[in-house]
Amino acid sequence: MAARADRQLARRLAEQPLDLALIDSAILLAYARRRARPADLPALRPIRSLAYFLPIIDELSQRPPLEPGYLQYLQGFLR
């Protein structure tokens, strides 16, 4: 079950005029960044909160990727 704070944040996000594709893209980008991290660096802790994605949602809403196919590229990279 999701934590109470995550449920509240999800409700707040649902009330905002955010495109679901933006949220999906933020999750994809966060995952890609974590996967691309050099293996010789210490492992990152697991993502335990929806709040982790807020900075990336803000980043993408203010500055979407310049290349239209970039997100499709990331999907291929992660397969």
PDB file of N, CA and C in Angstrom:
ATOM      1  N   MET A   1       0.834  -1.175   0.000  1.00  0.00           N
ATOM      2  CA  MET A   1       0.000   0.000   0.000  1.00  0.00           C
ATOM      3  C   MET A   1       0.885   1.248   0.000  1.00  0.00           C
ATOM      4  N   ALA A   2       0.470   2.260  -0.733  1.00  0.00           N
ATOM      5  CA  ALA A   2       1.229   3.505  -0.820  1.00  0.00           C
ATOM      6  C   ALA A   2       1.167   4.253   0.509  1.00  0.00           C
ATOM      7  N   ALA A   3       2.236   4.945   0.802  1.00  0.00           N
ATOM      8  CA  ALA A   3       2.281   5.739   2.027  1.00  0.00           C
ATOM      9  C   ALA A   3       1.265   6.884   1.944  1.00  0.00           C
ATOM     10  N   ARG A   4       0.834   7.325   3.094  1.00  0.00           N
ATOM     11  CA  ARG A   4      -0.164   8.404   3.137  1.00  0.00           C
ATOM     12  C   ARG A   4       0.327   9.654   2.399  1.00  0.00           C
ATOM     13  N   ALA A   5       1.590  10.016   2.595  1.00  0.00           N
ATOM     14  CA  ALA A   5       2.139  11.197   1.930  1.00  0.00           C
ATOM     15  C   ALA A   5       2.106  11.031   0.405  1.00  0.00           C
ATOM     16  N   ASP A   6       2.375   9.823  -0.069  1.00  0.00           N
ATOM     17  CA  ASP A   6       2.327   9.571  -1.514  1.00  0.00           C
ATOM     18  C   ASP A   6       0.901   9.663  -2.050  1.00  0.00           C
ATOM     19  N   ARG A   7      -0.051   9.170  -1.286  1.00  0.00           N
ATOM     20  CA  ARG A   7      -1.454   9.268  -1.719  1.00  0.00           C
ATOM     21  C   ARG A   7      -1.885  10.735  -1.782  1.00  0.00           C
ATOM     22  N   GLN A   8      -1.481  11.517  -0.786  1.00  0.00           N
ATOM     23  CA  GLN A   8      -1.823  12.942  -0.786  1.00  0.00           C
ATOM     24  C   GLN A   8      -1.152  13.664  -1.955  1.00  0.00           C
ATOM     25  N   LEU A   9       0.101  13.350  -2.210  1.00  0.00           N
ATOM     26  CA  LEU A   9       0.806  13.968  -3.331  1.00  0.00           C
ATOM     27  C   LEU A   9       0.172  13.564  -4.654  1.00  0.00           C
ATOM     28  N   ALA A  10      -0.210  12.320  -4.792  1.00  0.00           N
ATOM     29  CA  ALA A  10      -0.867  11.861  -6.020  1.00  0.00           C
ATOM     30  C   ALA A  10      -2.178  12.612  -6.227  1.00  0.00           C
ATOM     31  N   ARG A  11      -2.917  12.841  -5.148  1.00  0.00           N
ATOM     32  CA  ARG A  11      -4.159  13.616  -5.247  1.00  0.00           C
ATOM     33  C   ARG A  11      -3.877  15.043  -5.703  1.00  0.00           C
ATOM     34  N   ARG A  12      -2.852  15.657  -5.122  1.00  0.00           N
ATOM     35  CA  ARG A  12      -2.490  17.033  -5.518  1.00  0.00           C
ATOM     36  C   ARG A  12      -2.064  17.088  -6.978  1.00  0.00           C
ATOM     37  N   LEU A  13      -1.290  16.119  -7.419  1.00  0.00           N
ATOM     38  CA  LEU A  13      -0.864  16.082  -8.819  1.00  0.00           C
ATOM     39  C   LEU A  13      -2.058  15.885  -9.746  1.00  0.00           C
ATOM     40  N   ALA A  14      -3.009  15.064  -9.327  1.00  0.00           N
ATOM     41  CA  ALA A  14      -4.200  14.810 -10.147  1.00  0.00           C
ATOM     42  C   ALA A  14      -5.055  16.068 -10.287  1.00  0.00           C
ATOM     43  N   GLU A  15      -4.999  16.942  -9.306  1.00  0.00           N
ATOM     44  CA  GLU A  15      -5.779  18.185  -9.343  1.00  0.00           C
ATOM     45  C   GLU A  15      -5.130  19.259 -10.207  1.00  0.00           C
ATOM     46  N   GLN A  16      -3.860  19.090 -10.515  1.00  0.00           N
ATOM     47  CA  GLN A  16      -3.150  20.069 -11.344  1.00  0.00           C
ATOM     48  C   GLN A  16      -3.370  19.739 -12.819  1.00  0.00           C
ATOM     49  N   PRO A  17      -3.244  20.747 -13.665  1.00  0.00           N
ATOM     50  CA  PRO A  17      -3.399  20.489 -15.102  1.00  0.00           C
ATOM     51  C   PRO A  17      -2.133  19.887 -15.720  1.00  0.00           C
ATOM     52  N   LEU A  18      -1.695  18.759 -15.185  1.00  0.00           N
ATOM     53  CA  LEU A  18      -0.505  18.088 -15.714  1.00  0.00           C
ATOM     54  C   LEU A  18      -0.943  16.992 -16.675  1.00  0.00           C
ATOM     55  N   ASP A  19      -0.226  16.887 -17.747  1.00  0.00           N
ATOM     56  CA  ASP A  19      -0.476  15.834 -18.720  1.00  0.00           C
ATOM     57  C   ASP A  19       0.102  14.526 -18.176  1.00  0.00           C
ATOM     58  N   LEU A  20      -0.651  13.455 -18.288  1.00  0.00           N
ATOM     59  CA  LEU A  20      -0.176  12.157 -17.822  1.00  0.00           C
ATOM     60  C   LEU A  20       1.111  11.755 -18.534  1.00  0.00           C
ATOM     61  N   ALA A  21       1.265  12.164 -19.785  1.00  0.00           N
ATOM     62  CA  ALA A  21       2.499  11.868 -20.531  1.00  0.00           C
ATOM     63  C   ALA A  21       3.707  12.531 -19.864  1.00  0.00           C
ATOM     64  N   LEU A  22       3.505  13.694 -19.247  1.00  0.00           N
ATOM     65  CA  LEU A  22       4.587  14.381 -18.549  1.00  0.00           C
ATOM     66  C   LEU A  22       5.041  13.561 -17.338  1.00  0.00           C
ATOM     67  N   ILE A  23       4.091  13.037 -16.592  1.00  0.00           N
ATOM     68  CA  ILE A  23       4.416  12.203 -15.429  1.00  0.00           C
ATOM     69  C   ILE A  23       5.145  10.937 -15.885  1.00  0.00           C
ATOM     70  N   ASP A  24       4.633  10.314 -16.928  1.00  0.00           N
ATOM     71  CA  ASP A  24       5.254   9.113 -17.480  1.00  0.00           C
ATOM     72  C   ASP A  24       6.681   9.408 -17.931  1.00  0.00           C
ATOM     73  N   SER A  25       6.867  10.538 -18.588  1.00  0.00           N
ATOM     74  CA  SER A  25       8.198  10.928 -19.065  1.00  0.00           C
ATOM     75  C   SER A  25       9.145  11.168 -17.900  1.00  0.00           C
ATOM     76  N   ALA A  26       8.658  11.764 -16.831  1.00  0.00           N
ATOM     77  CA  ALA A  26       9.499  12.022 -15.662  1.00  0.00           C
ATOM     78  C   ALA A  26       9.970  10.715 -15.035  1.00  0.00           C
ATOM     79  N   ILE A  27       9.076   9.753 -14.936  1.00  0.00           N
ATOM     80  CA  ILE A  27       9.450   8.448 -14.375  1.00  0.00           C
ATOM     81  C   ILE A  27      10.469   7.765 -15.281  1.00  0.00           C
ATOM     82  N   LEU A  28      10.242   7.819 -16.577  1.00  0.00           N
ATOM     83  CA  LEU A  28      11.163   7.229 -17.549  1.00  0.00           C
ATOM     84  C   LEU A  28      12.541   7.877 -17.453  1.00  0.00           C
ATOM     85  N   LEU A  29      12.573   9.203 -17.402  1.00  0.00           N
ATOM     86  CA  LEU A  29      13.845   9.920 -17.335  1.00  0.00           C
ATOM     87  C   LEU A  29      14.585   9.611 -16.037  1.00  0.00           C
ATOM     88  N   ALA A  30      13.871   9.565 -14.926  1.00  0.00           N
ATOM     89  CA  ALA A  30      14.514   9.239 -13.647  1.00  0.00           C
ATOM     90  C   ALA A  30      15.132   7.847 -13.696  1.00  0.00           C
ATOM     91  N   TYR A  31      14.381   6.901 -14.235  1.00  0.00           N
ATOM     92  CA  TYR A  31      14.890   5.531 -14.337  1.00  0.00           C
ATOM     93  C   TYR A  31      16.112   5.470 -15.250  1.00  0.00           C
ATOM     94  N   ALA A  32      16.056   6.161 -16.374  1.00  0.00           N
ATOM     95  CA  ALA A  32      17.187   6.168 -17.312  1.00  0.00           C
ATOM     96  C   ALA A  32      18.422   6.781 -16.671  1.00  0.00           C
ATOM     97  N   ARG A  33      18.244   7.851 -15.941  1.00  0.00           N
ATOM     98  CA  ARG A  33      19.392   8.486 -15.277  1.00  0.00           C
ATOM     99  C   ARG A  33      20.015   7.559 -14.248  1.00  0.00           C
ATOM    100  N   ARG A  34      19.185   6.844 -13.543  1.00  0.00           N
ATOM    101  CA  ARG A  34      19.715   5.906 -12.548  1.00  0.00           C
ATOM    102  C   ARG A  34      20.447   4.743 -13.217  1.00  0.00           C
ATOM    103  N   ARG A  35      19.891   4.245 -14.324  1.00  0.00           N
ATOM    104  CA  ARG A  35      20.520   3.125 -15.044  1.00  0.00           C
ATOM    105  C   ARG A  35      21.839   3.546 -15.696  1.00  0.00           C
ATOM    106  N   ALA A  36      21.930   4.798 -16.131  1.00  0.00           N
ATOM    107  CA  ALA A  36      23.124   5.270 -16.823  1.00  0.00           C
ATOM    108  C   ALA A  36      24.243   5.639 -15.841  1.00  0.00           C
ATOM    109  N   ARG A  37      23.954   5.591 -14.574  1.00  0.00           N
ATOM    110  CA  ARG A  37      24.946   5.939 -13.553  1.00  0.00           C
ATOM    111  C   ARG A  37      26.109   4.944 -13.622  1.00  0.00           C
ATOM    112  N   PRO A  38      27.343   5.449 -13.586  1.00  0.00           N
ATOM    113  CA  PRO A  38      28.502   4.550 -13.646  1.00  0.00           C
ATOM    114  C   PRO A  38      28.460   3.485 -12.552  1.00  0.00           C
ATOM    115  N   ALA A  39      28.826   2.281 -12.920  1.00  0.00           N
ATOM    116  CA  ALA A  39      28.758   1.136 -12.001  1.00  0.00           C
ATOM    117  C   ALA A  39      29.758   1.247 -10.854  1.00  0.00           C
ATOM    118  N   ASP A  40      30.828   2.030 -11.048  1.00  0.00           N
ATOM    119  CA  ASP A  40      31.829   2.129  -9.991  1.00  0.00           C
ATOM    120  C   ASP A  40      31.438   3.109  -8.880  1.00  0.00           C
ATOM    121  N   LEU A  41      30.322   3.814  -9.042  1.00  0.00           N
ATOM    122  CA  LEU A  41      29.828   4.700  -7.985  1.00  0.00           C
ATOM    123  C   LEU A  41      28.989   3.880  -7.003  1.00  0.00           C
ATOM    124  N   PRO A  42      28.879   4.354  -5.774  1.00  0.00           N
ATOM    125  CA  PRO A  42      28.043   3.625  -4.807  1.00  0.00           C
ATOM    126  C   PRO A  42      26.600   3.519  -5.303  1.00  0.00           C
ATOM    127  N   ALA A  43      25.958   2.427  -4.968  1.00  0.00           N
ATOM    128  CA  ALA A  43      24.572   2.204  -5.384  1.00  0.00           C
ATOM    129  C   ALA A  43      23.659   3.250  -4.753  1.00  0.00           C
ATOM    130  N   LEU A  44      22.669   3.663  -5.531  1.00  0.00           N
ATOM    131  CA  LEU A  44      21.678   4.596  -5.009  1.00  0.00           C
ATOM    132  C   LEU A  44      20.648   3.834  -4.191  1.00  0.00           C
ATOM    133  N   ARG A  45      20.067   4.515  -3.231  1.00  0.00           N
ATOM    134  CA  ARG A  45      19.011   3.900  -2.434  1.00  0.00           C
ATOM    135  C   ARG A  45      17.766   3.764  -3.297  1.00  0.00           C
ATOM    136  N   PRO A  46      16.914   2.807  -3.003  1.00  0.00           N
ATOM    137  CA  PRO A  46      15.677   2.652  -3.767  1.00  0.00           C
ATOM    138  C   PRO A  46      14.797   3.906  -3.657  1.00  0.00           C
ATOM    139  N   ILE A  47      14.030   4.147  -4.688  1.00  0.00           N
ATOM    140  CA  ILE A  47      13.070   5.247  -4.670  1.00  0.00           C
ATOM    141  C   ILE A  47      11.908   4.799  -3.795  1.00  0.00           C
ATOM    142  N   ARG A  48      11.613   5.559  -2.769  1.00  0.00           N
ATOM    143  CA  ARG A  48      10.583   5.155  -1.818  1.00  0.00           C
ATOM    144  C   ARG A  48       9.404   6.125  -1.771  1.00  0.00           C
ATOM    145  N   SER A  49       9.456   7.170  -2.608  1.00  0.00           N
ATOM    146  CA  SER A  49       8.392   8.163  -2.533  1.00  0.00           C
ATOM    147  C   SER A  49       8.142   8.779  -3.897  1.00  0.00           C
ATOM    148  N   LEU A  50       6.896   9.110  -4.128  1.00  0.00           N
ATOM    149  CA  LEU A  50       6.504   9.818  -5.342  1.00  0.00           C
ATOM    150  C   LEU A  50       7.173  11.190  -5.405  1.00  0.00           C
ATOM    151  N   ALA A  51       7.499  11.751  -4.257  1.00  0.00           N
ATOM    152  CA  ALA A  51       8.138  13.066  -4.195  1.00  0.00           C
ATOM    153  C   ALA A  51       9.490  13.078  -4.929  1.00  0.00           C
ATOM    154  N   TYR A  52      10.119  11.936  -5.057  1.00  0.00           N
ATOM    155  CA  TYR A  52      11.392  11.840  -5.782  1.00  0.00           C
ATOM    156  C   TYR A  52      11.267  12.407  -7.194  1.00  0.00           C
ATOM    157  N   PHE A  53      10.090  12.244  -7.799  1.00  0.00           N
ATOM    158  CA  PHE A  53       9.901  12.633  -9.191  1.00  0.00           C
ATOM    159  C   PHE A  53       9.515  14.094  -9.375  1.00  0.00           C
ATOM    160  N   LEU A  54       9.199  14.811  -8.301  1.00  0.00           N
ATOM    161  CA  LEU A  54       8.759  16.205  -8.428  1.00  0.00           C
ATOM    162  C   LEU A  54       9.771  17.110  -9.133  1.00  0.00           C
ATOM    163  N   PRO A  55      11.062  17.056  -8.787  1.00  0.00           N
ATOM    164  CA  PRO A  55      12.010  17.921  -9.496  1.00  0.00           C
ATOM    165  C   PRO A  55      12.087  17.609 -10.995  1.00  0.00           C
ATOM    166  N   ILE A  56      11.939  16.356 -11.356  1.00  0.00           N
ATOM    167  CA  ILE A  56      12.007  15.979 -12.771  1.00  0.00           C
ATOM    168  C   ILE A  56      10.728  16.406 -13.488  1.00  0.00           C
ATOM    169  N   ILE A  57       9.590  16.308 -12.817  1.00  0.00           N
ATOM    170  CA  ILE A  57       8.343  16.813 -13.400  1.00  0.00           C
ATOM    171  C   ILE A  57       8.465  18.309 -13.649  1.00  0.00           C
ATOM    172  N   ASP A  58       8.998  19.039 -12.678  1.00  0.00           N
ATOM    173  CA  ASP A  58       9.212  20.487 -12.848  1.00  0.00           C
ATOM    174  C   ASP A  58      10.172  20.764 -13.998  1.00  0.00           C
ATOM    175  N   GLU A  59      11.264  20.010 -14.043  1.00  0.00           N
ATOM    176  CA  GLU A  59      12.262  20.183 -15.103  1.00  0.00           C
ATOM    177  C   GLU A  59      11.631  19.999 -16.482  1.00  0.00           C
ATOM    178  N   LEU A  60      10.868  18.931 -16.651  1.00  0.00           N
ATOM    179  CA  LEU A  60      10.275  18.646 -17.955  1.00  0.00           C
ATOM    180  C   LEU A  60       9.151  19.613 -18.310  1.00  0.00           C
ATOM    181  N   SER A  61       8.437  20.123 -17.312  1.00  0.00           N
ATOM    182  CA  SER A  61       7.363  21.065 -17.622  1.00  0.00           C
ATOM    183  C   SER A  61       7.929  22.424 -18.017  1.00  0.00           C
ATOM    184  N   GLN A  62       9.111  22.772 -17.509  1.00  0.00           N
ATOM    185  CA  GLN A  62       9.728  24.041 -17.861  1.00  0.00           C
ATOM    186  C   GLN A  62      10.628  23.936 -19.096  1.00  0.00           C
ATOM    187  N   ARG A  63      11.200  22.745 -19.299  1.00  0.00           N
ATOM    188  CA  ARG A  63      12.150  22.557 -20.392  1.00  0.00           C
ATOM    189  C   ARG A  63      11.992  21.168 -20.973  1.00  0.00           C
ATOM    190  N   PRO A  64      11.004  20.965 -21.840  1.00  0.00           N
ATOM    191  CA  PRO A  64      10.831  19.632 -22.442  1.00  0.00           C
ATOM    192  C   PRO A  64      12.055  19.262 -23.287  1.00  0.00           C
ATOM    193  N   PRO A  65      12.271  17.975 -23.535  1.00  0.00           N
ATOM    194  CA  PRO A  65      13.407  17.572 -24.375  1.00  0.00           C
ATOM    195  C   PRO A  65      13.323  18.241 -25.741  1.00  0.00           C
ATOM    196  N   LEU A  66      14.464  18.690 -26.240  1.00  0.00           N
ATOM    197  CA  LEU A  66      14.501  19.387 -27.528  1.00  0.00           C
ATOM    198  C   LEU A  66      14.220  18.448 -28.694  1.00  0.00           C
ATOM    199  N   GLU A  67      14.711  17.247 -28.580  1.00  0.00           N
ATOM    200  CA  GLU A  67      14.514  16.270 -29.649  1.00  0.00           C
ATOM    201  C   GLU A  67      13.199  15.526 -29.442  1.00  0.00           C
ATOM    202  N   PRO A  68      12.308  15.535 -30.429  1.00  0.00           N
ATOM    203  CA  PRO A  68      11.014  14.874 -30.246  1.00  0.00           C
ATOM    204  C   PRO A  68      11.117  13.372 -29.986  1.00  0.00           C
ATOM    205  N   GLY A  69      12.125  12.702 -30.493  1.00  0.00           N
ATOM    206  CA  GLY A  69      12.247  11.259 -30.323  1.00  0.00           C
ATOM    207  C   GLY A  69      13.073  10.850 -29.120  1.00  0.00           C
ATOM    208  N   TYR A  70      13.464  11.801 -28.279  1.00  0.00           N
ATOM    209  CA  TYR A  70      14.356  11.484 -27.167  1.00  0.00           C
ATOM    210  C   TYR A  70      13.741  10.481 -26.191  1.00  0.00           C
ATOM    211  N   LEU A  71      12.479  10.655 -25.863  1.00  0.00           N
ATOM    212  CA  LEU A  71      11.855   9.743 -24.903  1.00  0.00           C
ATOM    213  C   LEU A  71      11.714   8.341 -25.485  1.00  0.00           C
ATOM    214  N   GLN A  72      11.455   8.238 -26.790  1.00  0.00           N
ATOM    215  CA  GLN A  72      11.403   6.919 -27.434  1.00  0.00           C
ATOM    216  C   GLN A  72      12.796   6.282 -27.413  1.00  0.00           C
ATOM    217  N   TYR A  73      13.828   7.112 -27.608  1.00  0.00           N
ATOM    218  CA  TYR A  73      15.200   6.621 -27.521  1.00  0.00           C
ATOM    219  C   TYR A  73      15.465   6.035 -26.133  1.00  0.00           C
ATOM    220  N   LEU A  74      15.021   6.748 -25.094  1.00  0.00           N
ATOM    221  CA  LEU A  74      15.241   6.259 -23.736  1.00  0.00           C
ATOM    222  C   LEU A  74      14.515   4.938 -23.493  1.00  0.00           C
ATOM    223  N   GLN A  75      13.320   4.811 -24.032  1.00  0.00           N
ATOM    224  CA  GLN A  75      12.597   3.548 -23.877  1.00  0.00           C
ATOM    225  C   GLN A  75      13.384   2.397 -24.509  1.00  0.00           C
ATOM    226  N   GLY A  76      13.948   2.629 -25.672  1.00  0.00           N
ATOM    227  CA  GLY A  76      14.778   1.609 -26.315  1.00  0.00           C
ATOM    228  C   GLY A  76      16.037   1.317 -25.532  1.00  0.00           C
ATOM    229  N   PHE A  77      16.650   2.359 -24.986  1.00  0.00           N
ATOM    230  CA  PHE A  77      17.871   2.213 -24.180  1.00  0.00           C
ATOM    231  C   PHE A  77      17.599   1.345 -22.955  1.00  0.00           C
ATOM    232  N   LEU A  78      16.433   1.464 -22.375  1.00  0.00           N
ATOM    233  CA  LEU A  78      16.136   0.761 -21.126  1.00  0.00           C
ATOM    234  C   LEU A  78      15.652  -0.673 -21.344  1.00  0.00           C
ATOM    235  N   ARG A  79      15.377  -1.044 -22.565  1.00  0.00           N
ATOM    236  CA  ARG A  79      14.923  -2.424 -22.821  1.00  0.00           C
ATOM    237  C   ARG A  79      16.031  -3.414 -22.754  1.00  0.00           C
TER     238      ARG A  79
END
